[in-house]
Amino acid sequence: MYATNVRELKKNPSRALREAEHAPVLILKGSVPHAVLLHLERSLAETEGALRPALAAALYRDGVLSLGAAANLSGMVLGDFVSHLGALGIDIVRPDETTAKESADLSTWLSS
């Protein structure tokens, strides 16, 4: 993936467009990712269909959307979306403040 900052993008937008033909171009504002430039080789509907699962996975990973809401946004059925998250290495079950107690309760129940 090619990355460029806003200053370089202003100087040479053609290079960013050429690079986008091969892979998404990351636009940095300072040293922070700010935007992504995509080449729309196919129809906009096909591009949107490819981006929805990626956007949904990122929003789920960041805790913005629940699993069901993210699956709905992705346009995938829940099982397929869970598989998609697994392929990306995104955990479905997240530990929280109750995890230790629940684990202990489960261990007690399994040992009886």
PDB file of N, CA and C in Angstrom:
ATOM      1  N   MET A   1       0.846  -1.172   0.000  1.00  0.00           N
ATOM      2  CA  MET A   1       0.000   0.000   0.000  1.00  0.00           C
ATOM      3  C   MET A   1       0.893   1.236   0.000  1.00  0.00           C
ATOM      4  N   TYR A   2       0.568   2.161  -0.872  1.00  0.00           N
ATOM      5  CA  TYR A   2       1.291   3.429  -0.964  1.00  0.00           C
ATOM      6  C   TYR A   2       0.683   4.405   0.037  1.00  0.00           C
ATOM      7  N   ALA A   3       1.516   5.168   0.697  1.00  0.00           N
ATOM      8  CA  ALA A   3       1.061   6.193   1.626  1.00  0.00           C
ATOM      9  C   ALA A   3       1.677   7.521   1.233  1.00  0.00           C
ATOM     10  N   THR A   4       0.907   8.577   1.356  1.00  0.00           N
ATOM     11  CA  THR A   4       1.384   9.914   1.042  1.00  0.00           C
ATOM     12  C   THR A   4       0.741  10.906   2.005  1.00  0.00           C
ATOM     13  N   ASN A   5       1.402  12.043   2.179  1.00  0.00           N
ATOM     14  CA  ASN A   5       0.785  13.069   3.019  1.00  0.00           C
ATOM     15  C   ASN A   5       0.062  14.070   2.135  1.00  0.00           C
ATOM     16  N   VAL A   6      -0.688  14.952   2.759  1.00  0.00           N
ATOM     17  CA  VAL A   6      -1.512  15.902   2.014  1.00  0.00           C
ATOM     18  C   VAL A   6      -0.646  16.805   1.136  1.00  0.00           C
ATOM     19  N   ARG A   7       0.488  17.241   1.650  1.00  0.00           N
ATOM     20  CA  ARG A   7       1.373  18.126   0.873  1.00  0.00           C
ATOM     21  C   ARG A   7       1.819  17.443  -0.415  1.00  0.00           C
ATOM     22  N   GLU A   8       2.275  16.193  -0.320  1.00  0.00           N
ATOM     23  CA  GLU A   8       2.722  15.467  -1.519  1.00  0.00           C
ATOM     24  C   GLU A   8       1.547  15.184  -2.458  1.00  0.00           C
ATOM     25  N   LEU A   9       0.374  14.929  -1.886  1.00  0.00           N
ATOM     26  CA  LEU A   9      -0.807  14.687  -2.715  1.00  0.00           C
ATOM     27  C   LEU A   9      -1.140  15.928  -3.537  1.00  0.00           C
ATOM     28  N   LYS A  10      -1.009  17.103  -2.935  1.00  0.00           N
ATOM     29  CA  LYS A  10      -1.267  18.348  -3.665  1.00  0.00           C
ATOM     30  C   LYS A  10      -0.236  18.555  -4.780  1.00  0.00           C
ATOM     31  N   LYS A  11       1.027  18.209  -4.516  1.00  0.00           N
ATOM     32  CA  LYS A  11       2.089  18.384  -5.506  1.00  0.00           C
ATOM     33  C   LYS A  11       1.939  17.430  -6.679  1.00  0.00           C
ATOM     34  N   ASN A  12       1.552  16.171  -6.398  1.00  0.00           N
ATOM     35  CA  ASN A  12       1.536  15.158  -7.442  1.00  0.00           C
ATOM     36  C   ASN A  12       0.327  14.228  -7.286  1.00  0.00           C
ATOM     37  N   PRO A  13      -0.870  14.727  -7.563  1.00  0.00           N
ATOM     38  CA  PRO A  13      -2.052  13.867  -7.432  1.00  0.00           C
ATOM     39  C   PRO A  13      -2.054  12.707  -8.427  1.00  0.00           C
ATOM     40  N   SER A  14      -1.375  12.885  -9.565  1.00  0.00           N
ATOM     41  CA  SER A  14      -1.334  11.820 -10.581  1.00  0.00           C
ATOM     42  C   SER A  14      -0.672  10.563 -10.043  1.00  0.00           C
ATOM     43  N   ARG A  15       0.375  10.731  -9.255  1.00  0.00           N
ATOM     44  CA  ARG A  15       1.053   9.555  -8.706  1.00  0.00           C
ATOM     45  C   ARG A  15       0.114   8.781  -7.787  1.00  0.00           C
ATOM     46  N   ALA A  16      -0.625   9.479  -6.948  1.00  0.00           N
ATOM     47  CA  ALA A  16      -1.564   8.805  -6.047  1.00  0.00           C
ATOM     48  C   ALA A  16      -2.624   8.048  -6.843  1.00  0.00           C
ATOM     49  N   LEU A  17      -3.102   8.651  -7.921  1.00  0.00           N
ATOM     50  CA  LEU A  17      -4.099   7.972  -8.757  1.00  0.00           C
ATOM     51  C   LEU A  17      -3.513   6.735  -9.433  1.00  0.00           C
ATOM     52  N   ARG A  18      -2.266   6.840  -9.901  1.00  0.00           N
ATOM     53  CA  ARG A  18      -1.612   5.667 -10.510  1.00  0.00           C
ATOM     54  C   ARG A  18      -1.429   4.559  -9.477  1.00  0.00           C
ATOM     55  N   GLU A  19      -0.984   4.933  -8.287  1.00  0.00           N
ATOM     56  CA  GLU A  19      -0.786   3.938  -7.225  1.00  0.00           C
ATOM     57  C   GLU A  19      -2.103   3.291  -6.826  1.00  0.00           C
ATOM     58  N   ALA A  20      -3.190   4.061  -6.851  1.00  0.00           N
ATOM     59  CA  ALA A  20      -4.503   3.535  -6.461  1.00  0.00           C
ATOM     60  C   ALA A  20      -5.007   2.475  -7.431  1.00  0.00           C
ATOM     61  N   GLU A  21      -4.467   2.448  -8.642  1.00  0.00           N
ATOM     62  CA  GLU A  21      -4.859   1.412  -9.595  1.00  0.00           C
ATOM     63  C   GLU A  21      -4.385   0.038  -9.144  1.00  0.00           C
ATOM     64  N   HIS A  22      -3.371  -0.011  -8.289  1.00  0.00           N
ATOM     65  CA  HIS A  22      -2.805  -1.275  -7.827  1.00  0.00           C
ATOM     66  C   HIS A  22      -3.251  -1.648  -6.417  1.00  0.00           C
ATOM     67  N   ALA A  23      -3.413  -0.650  -5.563  1.00  0.00           N
ATOM     68  CA  ALA A  23      -3.796  -0.892  -4.164  1.00  0.00           C
ATOM     69  C   ALA A  23      -4.307   0.416  -3.581  1.00  0.00           C
ATOM     70  N   PRO A  24      -5.101   0.344  -2.514  1.00  0.00           N
ATOM     71  CA  PRO A  24      -5.569   1.578  -1.879  1.00  0.00           C
ATOM     72  C   PRO A  24      -4.384   2.462  -1.465  1.00  0.00           C
ATOM     73  N   VAL A  25      -4.590   3.761  -1.538  1.00  0.00           N
ATOM     74  CA  VAL A  25      -3.565   4.734  -1.159  1.00  0.00           C
ATOM     75  C   VAL A  25      -3.979   5.362   0.166  1.00  0.00           C
ATOM     76  N   LEU A  26      -3.083   5.313   1.131  1.00  0.00           N
ATOM     77  CA  LEU A  26      -3.336   5.886   2.446  1.00  0.00           C
ATOM     78  C   LEU A  26      -2.886   7.344   2.429  1.00  0.00           C
ATOM     79  N   ILE A  27      -3.796   8.243   2.793  1.00  0.00           N
ATOM     80  CA  ILE A  27      -3.493   9.671   2.855  1.00  0.00           C
ATOM     81  C   ILE A  27      -3.276  10.036   4.322  1.00  0.00           C
ATOM     82  N   LEU A  28      -2.117  10.608   4.612  1.00  0.00           N
ATOM     83  CA  LEU A  28      -1.760  10.977   5.979  1.00  0.00           C
ATOM     84  C   LEU A  28      -1.934  12.475   6.174  1.00  0.00           C
ATOM     85  N   LYS A  29      -2.430  12.844   7.340  1.00  0.00           N
ATOM     86  CA  LYS A  29      -2.482  14.250   7.733  1.00  0.00           C
ATOM     87  C   LYS A  29      -1.510  14.371   8.884  1.00  0.00           C
ATOM     88  N   GLY A  30      -0.352  14.959   8.621  1.00  0.00           N
ATOM     89  CA  GLY A  30       0.763  14.870   9.563  1.00  0.00           C
ATOM     90  C   GLY A  30       1.298  13.451   9.447  1.00  0.00           C
ATOM     91  N   SER A  31       1.305  12.728  10.552  1.00  0.00           N
ATOM     92  CA  SER A  31       1.718  11.327  10.499  1.00  0.00           C
ATOM     93  C   SER A  31       0.560  10.401  10.837  1.00  0.00           C
ATOM     94  N   VAL A  32      -0.664  10.946  10.831  1.00  0.00           N
ATOM     95  CA  VAL A  32      -1.854  10.186  11.225  1.00  0.00           C
ATOM     96  C   VAL A  32      -2.665   9.826   9.984  1.00  0.00           C
ATOM     97  N   PRO A  33      -3.059   8.553   9.830  1.00  0.00           N
ATOM     98  CA  PRO A  33      -3.922   8.177   8.700  1.00  0.00           C
ATOM     99  C   PRO A  33      -5.199   9.004   8.709  1.00  0.00           C
ATOM    100  N   HIS A  34      -5.546   9.559   7.566  1.00  0.00           N
ATOM    101  CA  HIS A  34      -6.695  10.453   7.494  1.00  0.00           C
ATOM    102  C   HIS A  34      -7.747   9.997   6.481  1.00  0.00           C
ATOM    103  N   ALA A  35      -7.306   9.383   5.383  1.00  0.00           N
ATOM    104  CA  ALA A  35      -8.244   8.973   4.335  1.00  0.00           C
ATOM    105  C   ALA A  35      -7.621   7.870   3.494  1.00  0.00           C
ATOM    106  N   VAL A  36      -8.460   7.244   2.685  1.00  0.00           N
ATOM    107  CA  VAL A  36      -8.003   6.212   1.770  1.00  0.00           C
ATOM    108  C   VAL A  36      -8.522   6.553   0.376  1.00  0.00           C
ATOM    109  N   LEU A  37      -7.655   6.457  -0.596  1.00  0.00           N
ATOM    110  CA  LEU A  37      -8.004   6.703  -1.989  1.00  0.00           C
ATOM    111  C   LEU A  37      -8.137   5.349  -2.683  1.00  0.00           C
ATOM    112  N   LEU A  38      -9.296   5.120  -3.315  1.00  0.00           N
ATOM    113  CA  LEU A  38      -9.558   3.856  -3.993  1.00  0.00           C
ATOM    114  C   LEU A  38      -9.787   4.084  -5.472  1.00  0.00           C
ATOM    115  N   HIS A  39      -9.327   3.169  -6.260  1.00  0.00           N
ATOM    116  CA  HIS A  39      -9.558   3.201  -7.703  1.00  0.00           C
ATOM    117  C   HIS A  39     -10.903   2.541  -7.985  1.00  0.00           C
ATOM    118  N   LEU A  40     -11.741   3.230  -8.721  1.00  0.00           N
ATOM    119  CA  LEU A  40     -13.079   2.702  -9.030  1.00  0.00           C
ATOM    120  C   LEU A  40     -13.087   2.078 -10.412  1.00  0.00           C
ATOM    121  N   GLU A  41     -12.343   0.990 -10.529  1.00  0.00           N
ATOM    122  CA  GLU A  41     -12.241   0.298 -11.811  1.00  0.00           C
ATOM    123  C   GLU A  41     -13.582  -0.318 -12.199  1.00  0.00           C
ATOM    124  N   ARG A  42     -14.224  -0.892 -11.217  1.00  0.00           N
ATOM    125  CA  ARG A  42     -15.518  -1.516 -11.470  1.00  0.00           C
ATOM    126  C   ARG A  42     -16.614  -0.515 -11.148  1.00  0.00           C
ATOM    127  N   SER A  43     -17.829  -0.971 -11.153  1.00  0.00           N
ATOM    128  CA  SER A  43     -18.933  -0.067 -10.860  1.00  0.00           C
ATOM    129  C   SER A  43     -18.905   0.336  -9.386  1.00  0.00           C
ATOM    130  N   LEU A  44     -19.534   1.424  -9.085  1.00  0.00           N
ATOM    131  CA  LEU A  44     -19.592   1.917  -7.712  1.00  0.00           C
ATOM    132  C   LEU A  44     -20.296   0.901  -6.812  1.00  0.00           C
ATOM    133  N   ALA A  45     -21.294   0.213  -7.316  1.00  0.00           N
ATOM    134  CA  ALA A  45     -22.000  -0.801  -6.522  1.00  0.00           C
ATOM    135  C   ALA A  45     -21.067  -1.947  -6.147  1.00  0.00           C
ATOM    136  N   GLU A  46     -20.216  -2.388  -7.070  1.00  0.00           N
ATOM    137  CA  GLU A  46     -19.258  -3.453  -6.775  1.00  0.00           C
ATOM    138  C   GLU A  46     -18.226  -2.990  -5.755  1.00  0.00           C
ATOM    139  N   THR A  47     -17.786  -1.752  -5.892  1.00  0.00           N
ATOM    140  CA  THR A  47     -16.817  -1.205  -4.947  1.00  0.00           C
ATOM    141  C   THR A  47     -17.430  -1.114  -3.564  1.00  0.00           C
ATOM    142  N   GLU A  48     -18.656  -0.630  -3.476  1.00  0.00           N
ATOM    143  CA  GLU A  48     -19.345  -0.544  -2.185  1.00  0.00           C
ATOM    144  C   GLU A  48     -19.505  -1.929  -1.574  1.00  0.00           C
ATOM    145  N   GLY A  49     -19.847  -2.907  -2.385  1.00  0.00           N
ATOM    146  CA  GLY A  49     -20.002  -4.275  -1.887  1.00  0.00           C
ATOM    147  C   GLY A  49     -18.719  -4.834  -1.313  1.00  0.00           C
ATOM    148  N   ALA A  50     -17.593  -4.434  -1.858  1.00  0.00           N
ATOM    149  CA  ALA A  50     -16.298  -4.899  -1.353  1.00  0.00           C
ATOM    150  C   ALA A  50     -15.889  -4.139  -0.091  1.00  0.00           C
ATOM    151  N   LEU A  51     -16.302  -2.892   0.009  1.00  0.00           N
ATOM    152  CA  LEU A  51     -15.901  -2.069   1.155  1.00  0.00           C
ATOM    153  C   LEU A  51     -16.756  -2.303   2.392  1.00  0.00           C
ATOM    154  N   ARG A  52     -18.021  -2.670   2.217  1.00  0.00           N
ATOM    155  CA  ARG A  52     -18.923  -2.808   3.367  1.00  0.00           C
ATOM    156  C   ARG A  52     -18.408  -3.811   4.403  1.00  0.00           C
ATOM    157  N   PRO A  53     -17.953  -5.007   4.012  1.00  0.00           N
ATOM    158  CA  PRO A  53     -17.425  -5.927   5.028  1.00  0.00           C
ATOM    159  C   PRO A  53     -16.196  -5.380   5.757  1.00  0.00           C
ATOM    160  N   ALA A  54     -15.341  -4.673   5.038  1.00  0.00           N
ATOM    161  CA  ALA A  54     -14.142  -4.106   5.670  1.00  0.00           C
ATOM    162  C   ALA A  54     -14.521  -3.017   6.665  1.00  0.00           C
ATOM    163  N   LEU A  55     -15.434  -2.155   6.280  1.00  0.00           N
ATOM    164  CA  LEU A  55     -15.882  -1.092   7.172  1.00  0.00           C
ATOM    165  C   LEU A  55     -16.582  -1.677   8.394  1.00  0.00           C
ATOM    166  N   ALA A  56     -17.451  -2.650   8.179  1.00  0.00           N
ATOM    167  CA  ALA A  56     -18.171  -3.277   9.291  1.00  0.00           C
ATOM    168  C   ALA A  56     -17.208  -3.958  10.255  1.00  0.00           C
ATOM    169  N   ALA A  57     -16.198  -4.645   9.725  1.00  0.00           N
ATOM    170  CA  ALA A  57     -15.215  -5.320  10.588  1.00  0.00           C
ATOM    171  C   ALA A  57     -14.443  -4.299  11.419  1.00  0.00           C
ATOM    172  N   ALA A  58     -14.053  -3.194  10.808  1.00  0.00           N
ATOM    173  CA  ALA A  58     -13.313  -2.159  11.540  1.00  0.00           C
ATOM    174  C   ALA A  58     -14.174  -1.535  12.628  1.00  0.00           C
ATOM    175  N   LEU A  59     -15.432  -1.277  12.325  1.00  0.00           N
ATOM    176  CA  LEU A  59     -16.323  -0.682  13.329  1.00  0.00           C
ATOM    177  C   LEU A  59     -16.614  -1.660  14.464  1.00  0.00           C
ATOM    178  N   TYR A  60     -16.733  -2.949  14.153  1.00  0.00           N
ATOM    179  CA  TYR A  60     -16.921  -3.947  15.200  1.00  0.00           C
ATOM    180  C   TYR A  60     -15.665  -4.065  16.057  1.00  0.00           C
ATOM    181  N   ARG A  61     -14.511  -4.139  15.419  1.00  0.00           N
ATOM    182  CA  ARG A  61     -13.232  -4.249  16.134  1.00  0.00           C
ATOM    183  C   ARG A  61     -13.038  -3.091  17.104  1.00  0.00           C
ATOM    184  N   ASP A  62     -13.444  -1.888  16.698  1.00  0.00           N
ATOM    185  CA  ASP A  62     -13.264  -0.697  17.525  1.00  0.00           C
ATOM    186  C   ASP A  62     -14.373  -0.510  18.552  1.00  0.00           C
ATOM    187  N   GLY A  63     -15.349  -1.434  18.573  1.00  0.00           N
ATOM    188  CA  GLY A  63     -16.418  -1.363  19.563  1.00  0.00           C
ATOM    189  C   GLY A  63     -17.515  -0.363  19.243  1.00  0.00           C
ATOM    190  N   VAL A  64     -17.545   0.129  18.019  1.00  0.00           N
ATOM    191  CA  VAL A  64     -18.561   1.097  17.620  1.00  0.00           C
ATOM    192  C   VAL A  64     -19.884   0.397  17.337  1.00  0.00           C
ATOM    193  N   LEU A  65     -19.822  -0.787  16.742  1.00  0.00           N
ATOM    194  CA  LEU A  65     -21.031  -1.548  16.405  1.00  0.00           C
ATOM    195  C   LEU A  65     -21.027  -2.894  17.120  1.00  0.00           C
ATOM    196  N   SER A  66     -22.221  -3.368  17.428  1.00  0.00           N
ATOM    197  CA  SER A  66     -22.361  -4.722  17.963  1.00  0.00           C
ATOM    198  C   SER A  66     -22.123  -5.712  16.831  1.00  0.00           C
ATOM    199  N   LEU A  67     -21.994  -6.978  17.190  1.00  0.00           N
ATOM    200  CA  LEU A  67     -21.766  -8.009  16.179  1.00  0.00           C
ATOM    201  C   LEU A  67     -22.909  -8.052  15.172  1.00  0.00           C
ATOM    202  N   GLY A  68     -24.144  -8.023  15.656  1.00  0.00           N
ATOM    203  CA  GLY A  68     -25.304  -8.072  14.762  1.00  0.00           C
ATOM    204  C   GLY A  68     -25.390  -6.868  13.850  1.00  0.00           C
ATOM    205  N   ALA A  69     -25.145  -5.680  14.413  1.00  0.00           N
ATOM    206  CA  ALA A  69     -25.207  -4.457  13.606  1.00  0.00           C
ATOM    207  C   ALA A  69     -24.093  -4.448  12.552  1.00  0.00           C
ATOM    208  N   ALA A  70     -22.917  -4.915  12.933  1.00  0.00           N
ATOM    209  CA  ALA A  70     -21.805  -4.967  11.979  1.00  0.00           C
ATOM    210  C   ALA A  70     -22.099  -5.971  10.866  1.00  0.00           C
ATOM    211  N   ALA A  71     -22.654  -7.121  11.226  1.00  0.00           N
ATOM    212  CA  ALA A  71     -23.008  -8.111  10.203  1.00  0.00           C
ATOM    213  C   ALA A  71     -24.037  -7.530   9.240  1.00  0.00           C
ATOM    214  N   ASN A  72     -24.995  -6.805   9.782  1.00  0.00           N
ATOM    215  CA  ASN A  72     -26.022  -6.178   8.950  1.00  0.00           C
ATOM    216  C   ASN A  72     -25.396  -5.155   8.003  1.00  0.00           C
ATOM    217  N   LEU A  73     -24.511  -4.322   8.515  1.00  0.00           N
ATOM    218  CA  LEU A  73     -23.830  -3.332   7.681  1.00  0.00           C
ATOM    219  C   LEU A  73     -23.003  -4.003   6.590  1.00  0.00           C
ATOM    220  N   SER A  74     -22.378  -5.127   6.916  1.00  0.00           N
ATOM    221  CA  SER A  74     -21.525  -5.817   5.950  1.00  0.00           C
ATOM    222  C   SER A  74     -22.296  -6.393   4.775  1.00  0.00           C
ATOM    223  N   GLY A  75     -23.594  -6.640   5.011  1.00  0.00           N
ATOM    224  CA  GLY A  75     -24.394  -7.278   3.972  1.00  0.00           C
ATOM    225  C   GLY A  75     -24.240  -8.790   3.960  1.00  0.00           C
ATOM    226  N   MET A  76     -23.557  -9.328   4.970  1.00  0.00           N
ATOM    227  CA  MET A  76     -23.327 -10.768   5.068  1.00  0.00           C
ATOM    228  C   MET A  76     -24.264 -11.353   6.131  1.00  0.00           C
ATOM    229  N   VAL A  77     -24.567 -12.642   6.009  1.00  0.00           N
ATOM    230  CA  VAL A  77     -25.291 -13.309   7.084  1.00  0.00           C
ATOM    231  C   VAL A  77     -24.333 -13.448   8.266  1.00  0.00           C
ATOM    232  N   LEU A  78     -24.896 -13.566   9.468  1.00  0.00           N
ATOM    233  CA  LEU A  78     -24.087 -13.537  10.679  1.00  0.00           C
ATOM    234  C   LEU A  78     -22.956 -14.565  10.670  1.00  0.00           C
ATOM    235  N   GLY A  79     -23.244 -15.790  10.285  1.00  0.00           N
ATOM    236  CA  GLY A  79     -22.217 -16.835  10.269  1.00  0.00           C
ATOM    237  C   GLY A  79     -21.063 -16.514   9.339  1.00  0.00           C
ATOM    238  N   ASP A  80     -21.386 -15.989   8.165  1.00  0.00           N
ATOM    239  CA  ASP A  80     -20.340 -15.610   7.213  1.00  0.00           C
ATOM    240  C   ASP A  80     -19.525 -14.433   7.740  1.00  0.00           C
ATOM    241  N   PHE A  81     -20.207 -13.494   8.419  1.00  0.00           N
ATOM    242  CA  PHE A  81     -19.490 -12.339   8.967  1.00  0.00           C
ATOM    243  C   PHE A  81     -18.554 -12.771  10.095  1.00  0.00           C
ATOM    244  N   VAL A  82     -19.005 -13.708  10.926  1.00  0.00           N
ATOM    245  CA  VAL A  82     -18.144 -14.237  11.994  1.00  0.00           C
ATOM    246  C   VAL A  82     -16.911 -14.896  11.374  1.00  0.00           C
ATOM    247  N   SER A  83     -17.101 -15.652  10.317  1.00  0.00           N
ATOM    248  CA  SER A  83     -15.965 -16.266   9.619  1.00  0.00           C
ATOM    249  C   SER A  83     -15.031 -15.201   9.042  1.00  0.00           C
ATOM    250  N   HIS A  84     -15.616 -14.151   8.506  1.00  0.00           N
ATOM    251  CA  HIS A  84     -14.835 -13.037   7.958  1.00  0.00           C
ATOM    252  C   HIS A  84     -13.984 -12.396   9.059  1.00  0.00           C
ATOM    253  N   LEU A  85     -14.581 -12.164  10.223  1.00  0.00           N
ATOM    254  CA  LEU A  85     -13.834 -11.598  11.348  1.00  0.00           C
ATOM    255  C   LEU A  85     -12.704 -12.531  11.772  1.00  0.00           C
ATOM    256  N   GLY A  86     -12.988 -13.823  11.811  1.00  0.00           N
ATOM    257  CA  GLY A  86     -11.963 -14.796  12.174  1.00  0.00           C
ATOM    258  C   GLY A  86     -10.790 -14.775  11.207  1.00  0.00           C
ATOM    259  N   ALA A  87     -11.097 -14.656   9.922  1.00  0.00           N
ATOM    260  CA  ALA A  87     -10.033 -14.606   8.912  1.00  0.00           C
ATOM    261  C   ALA A  87      -9.176 -13.348   9.075  1.00  0.00           C
ATOM    262  N   LEU A  88      -9.781 -12.291   9.603  1.00  0.00           N
ATOM    263  CA  LEU A  88      -9.043 -11.047   9.828  1.00  0.00           C
ATOM    264  C   LEU A  88      -8.331 -11.023  11.178  1.00  0.00           C
ATOM    265  N   GLY A  89      -8.566 -12.062  11.988  1.00  0.00           N
ATOM    266  CA  GLY A  89      -7.939 -12.122  13.309  1.00  0.00           C
ATOM    267  C   GLY A  89      -8.616 -11.247  14.349  1.00  0.00           C
ATOM    268  N   ILE A  90      -9.878 -10.926  14.132  1.00  0.00           N
ATOM    269  CA  ILE A  90     -10.632 -10.089  15.069  1.00  0.00           C
ATOM    270  C   ILE A  90     -11.407 -11.004  16.005  1.00  0.00           C
ATOM    271  N   ASP A  91     -11.185 -10.848  17.304  1.00  0.00           N
ATOM    272  CA  ASP A  91     -11.856 -11.683  18.305  1.00  0.00           C
ATOM    273  C   ASP A  91     -13.348 -11.393  18.350  1.00  0.00           C
ATOM    274  N   ILE A  92     -14.134 -12.462  18.454  1.00  0.00           N
ATOM    275  CA  ILE A  92     -15.580 -12.330  18.568  1.00  0.00           C
ATOM    276  C   ILE A  92     -15.962 -12.133  20.031  1.00  0.00           C
ATOM    277  N   VAL A  93     -15.336 -12.897  20.894  1.00  0.00           N
ATOM    278  CA  VAL A  93     -15.595 -12.804  22.330  1.00  0.00           C
ATOM    279  C   VAL A  93     -14.485 -11.953  22.930  1.00  0.00           C
ATOM    280  N   ARG A  94     -14.898 -10.917  23.622  1.00  0.00           N
ATOM    281  CA  ARG A  94     -13.927 -10.002  24.215  1.00  0.00           C
ATOM    282  C   ARG A  94     -13.988 -10.083  25.731  1.00  0.00           C
ATOM    283  N   PRO A  95     -12.843 -10.225  26.365  1.00  0.00           N
ATOM    284  CA  PRO A  95     -12.839 -10.238  27.825  1.00  0.00           C
ATOM    285  C   PRO A  95     -13.230  -8.865  28.375  1.00  0.00           C
ATOM    286  N   ASP A  96     -13.957  -8.883  29.494  1.00  0.00           N
ATOM    287  CA  ASP A  96     -14.284  -7.639  30.176  1.00  0.00           C
ATOM    288  C   ASP A  96     -14.146  -7.855  31.679  1.00  0.00           C
ATOM    289  N   GLU A  97     -14.725  -6.972  32.480  1.00  0.00           N
ATOM    290  CA  GLU A  97     -14.554  -7.060  33.924  1.00  0.00           C
ATOM    291  C   GLU A  97     -15.235  -8.285  34.549  1.00  0.00           C
ATOM    292  N   THR A  98     -16.137  -8.926  33.845  1.00  0.00           N
ATOM    293  CA  THR A  98     -16.828 -10.099  34.394  1.00  0.00           C
ATOM    294  C   THR A  98     -16.216 -11.416  33.930  1.00  0.00           C
ATOM    295  N   THR A  99     -15.273 -11.368  33.027  1.00  0.00           N
ATOM    296  CA  THR A  99     -14.713 -12.582  32.429  1.00  0.00           C
ATOM    297  C   THR A  99     -14.091 -13.513  33.467  1.00  0.00           C
ATOM    298  N   ALA A 100     -13.307 -12.982  34.394  1.00  0.00           N
ATOM    299  CA  ALA A 100     -12.634 -13.822  35.390  1.00  0.00           C
ATOM    300  C   ALA A 100     -13.651 -14.562  36.251  1.00  0.00           C
ATOM    301  N   LYS A 101     -14.697 -13.873  36.714  1.00  0.00           N
ATOM    302  CA  LYS A 101     -15.718 -14.522  37.551  1.00  0.00           C
ATOM    303  C   LYS A 101     -16.481 -15.572  36.755  1.00  0.00           C
ATOM    304  N   GLU A 102     -16.839 -15.242  35.530  1.00  0.00           N
ATOM    305  CA  GLU A 102     -17.570 -16.199  34.702  1.00  0.00           C
ATOM    306  C   GLU A 102     -16.715 -17.431  34.421  1.00  0.00           C
ATOM    307  N   SER A 103     -15.428 -17.246  34.194  1.00  0.00           N
ATOM    308  CA  SER A 103     -14.522 -18.356  33.954  1.00  0.00           C
ATOM    309  C   SER A 103     -14.429 -19.246  35.192  1.00  0.00           C
ATOM    310  N   ALA A 104     -14.343 -18.627  36.359  1.00  0.00           N
ATOM    311  CA  ALA A 104     -14.288 -19.403  37.606  1.00  0.00           C
ATOM    312  C   ALA A 104     -15.588 -20.168  37.827  1.00  0.00           C
ATOM    313  N   ASP A 105     -16.716 -19.527  37.576  1.00  0.00           N
ATOM    314  CA  ASP A 105     -18.017 -20.192  37.712  1.00  0.00           C
ATOM    315  C   ASP A 105     -18.119 -21.370  36.747  1.00  0.00           C
ATOM    316  N   LEU A 106     -17.650 -21.187  35.529  1.00  0.00           N
ATOM    317  CA  LEU A 106     -17.692 -22.252  34.532  1.00  0.00           C
ATOM    318  C   LEU A 106     -16.792 -23.409  34.940  1.00  0.00           C
ATOM    319  N   SER A 107     -15.601 -23.100  35.475  1.00  0.00           N
ATOM    320  CA  SER A 107     -14.694 -24.140  35.923  1.00  0.00           C
ATOM    321  C   SER A 107     -15.303 -24.954  37.067  1.00  0.00           C
ATOM    322  N   THR A 108     -15.946 -24.266  38.004  1.00  0.00           N
ATOM    323  CA  THR A 108     -16.622 -24.941  39.110  1.00  0.00           C
ATOM    324  C   THR A 108     -17.727 -25.850  38.595  1.00  0.00           C
ATOM    325  N   TRP A 109     -18.512 -25.351  37.666  1.00  0.00           N
ATOM    326  CA  TRP A 109     -19.624 -26.119  37.130  1.00  0.00           C
ATOM    327  C   TRP A 109     -19.104 -27.332  36.361  1.00  0.00           C
ATOM    328  N   LEU A 110     -18.041 -27.167  35.573  1.00  0.00           N
ATOM    329  CA  LEU A 110     -17.500 -28.280  34.794  1.00  0.00           C
ATOM    330  C   LEU A 110     -16.865 -29.343  35.684  1.00  0.00           C
ATOM    331  N   SER A 111     -16.303 -28.948  36.819  1.00  0.00           N
ATOM    332  CA  SER A 111     -15.656 -29.921  37.696  1.00  0.00           C
ATOM    333  C   SER A 111     -16.655 -30.716  38.551  1.00  0.00           C
ATOM    334  N   SER A 112     -17.897 -30.259  38.616  1.00  0.00           N
ATOM    335  CA  SER A 112     -18.902 -30.985  39.423  1.00  0.00           C
ATOM    336  C   SER A 112     -19.626 -32.052  38.647  1.00  0.00           C
TER     337      SER A 112
END
